[in-house]
Amino acid sequence: MSRKPDLSPKEKAAQERDDRLKAALKANMARRKAQARARDAGTKDDTDA
């Protein structure tokens, strides 16, 4: 990622906020995918029994 080293304080704060939100979204999506996989695995086990 190329960033300008001479960002104004407002631009720097906005960039940091965007980075935090992007990281939070990525973690949330990973957690939701894991939950969905666990639900799918649970329902497959129930149908086999």
C-alpha atoms as a PDB file:
ATOM      1  CA  MET A   1       0.000   0.000   0.000  1.00  0.00           C
ATOM      2  CA  SER A   2       1.405   3.322  -0.965  1.00  0.00           C
ATOM      3  CA  ARG A   3       0.634   6.173   1.384  1.00  0.00           C
ATOM      4  CA  LYS A   4       1.718   9.779   1.273  1.00  0.00           C
ATOM      5  CA  PRO A   5       4.194  10.501   4.067  1.00  0.00           C
ATOM      6  CA  ASP A   6       3.052  14.135   4.273  1.00  0.00           C
ATOM      7  CA  LEU A   7      -0.553  13.651   5.381  1.00  0.00           C
ATOM      8  CA  SER A   8      -2.263  16.370   7.346  1.00  0.00           C
ATOM      9  CA  PRO A   9      -3.374  15.470  10.893  1.00  0.00           C
ATOM     10  CA  LYS A  10      -7.004  15.126   9.749  1.00  0.00           C
ATOM     11  CA  GLU A  11      -6.041  12.933   6.819  1.00  0.00           C
ATOM     12  CA  LYS A  12      -3.810  10.823   9.037  1.00  0.00           C
ATOM     13  CA  ALA A  13      -6.617  10.366  11.569  1.00  0.00           C
ATOM     14  CA  ALA A  14      -9.027   9.424   8.799  1.00  0.00           C
ATOM     15  CA  GLN A  15      -6.550   6.914   7.377  1.00  0.00           C
ATOM     16  CA  GLU A  16      -5.972   5.354  10.803  1.00  0.00           C
ATOM     17  CA  ARG A  17      -9.731   5.110  11.345  1.00  0.00           C
ATOM     18  CA  ASP A  18     -10.173   3.462   7.947  1.00  0.00           C
ATOM     19  CA  ASP A  19      -7.416   0.983   8.780  1.00  0.00           C
ATOM     20  CA  ARG A  20      -9.046   0.123  12.118  1.00  0.00           C
ATOM     21  CA  LEU A  21     -12.452  -0.324  10.501  1.00  0.00           C
ATOM     22  CA  LYS A  22     -10.979  -2.472   7.747  1.00  0.00           C
ATOM     23  CA  ALA A  23      -9.268  -4.708  10.312  1.00  0.00           C
ATOM     24  CA  ALA A  24     -12.446  -4.955  12.397  1.00  0.00           C
ATOM     25  CA  LEU A  25     -14.505  -5.865   9.327  1.00  0.00           C
ATOM     26  CA  LYS A  26     -12.014  -8.538   8.311  1.00  0.00           C
ATOM     27  CA  ALA A  27     -12.062 -10.059  11.810  1.00  0.00           C
ATOM     28  CA  ASN A  28     -15.863  -9.927  11.922  1.00  0.00           C
ATOM     29  CA  MET A  29     -16.186 -11.655   8.549  1.00  0.00           C
ATOM     30  CA  ALA A  30     -13.749 -14.382   9.613  1.00  0.00           C
ATOM     31  CA  ARG A  31     -15.729 -14.924  12.816  1.00  0.00           C
ATOM     32  CA  ARG A  32     -19.041 -15.097  10.942  1.00  0.00           C
ATOM     33  CA  LYS A  33     -17.612 -17.561   8.413  1.00  0.00           C
ATOM     34  CA  ALA A  34     -16.333 -19.751  11.244  1.00  0.00           C
ATOM     35  CA  GLN A  35     -19.760 -19.661  12.891  1.00  0.00           C
ATOM     36  CA  ALA A  36     -21.446 -20.595   9.620  1.00  0.00           C
ATOM     37  CA  ARG A  37     -19.038 -23.496   9.089  1.00  0.00           C
ATOM     38  CA  ALA A  38     -19.705 -24.696  12.633  1.00  0.00           C
ATOM     39  CA  ARG A  39     -23.466 -24.532  12.064  1.00  0.00           C
ATOM     40  CA  ASP A  40     -23.145 -26.431   8.781  1.00  0.00           C
ATOM     41  CA  ALA A  41     -20.979 -29.083  10.412  1.00  0.00           C
ATOM     42  CA  GLY A  42     -23.491 -29.387  13.255  1.00  0.00           C
ATOM     43  CA  THR A  43     -26.475 -29.851  10.966  1.00  0.00           C
ATOM     44  CA  LYS A  44     -24.655 -32.458   8.870  1.00  0.00           C
ATOM     45  CA  ASP A  45     -23.867 -34.459  12.013  1.00  0.00           C
ATOM     46  CA  ASP A  46     -27.513 -34.311  13.107  1.00  0.00           C
ATOM     47  CA  THR A  47     -28.821 -35.629   9.766  1.00  0.00           C
ATOM     48  CA  ASP A  48     -26.414 -38.588   9.779  1.00  0.00           C
ATOM     49  CA  ALA A  49     -27.462 -39.842  13.220  1.00  0.00           C
END
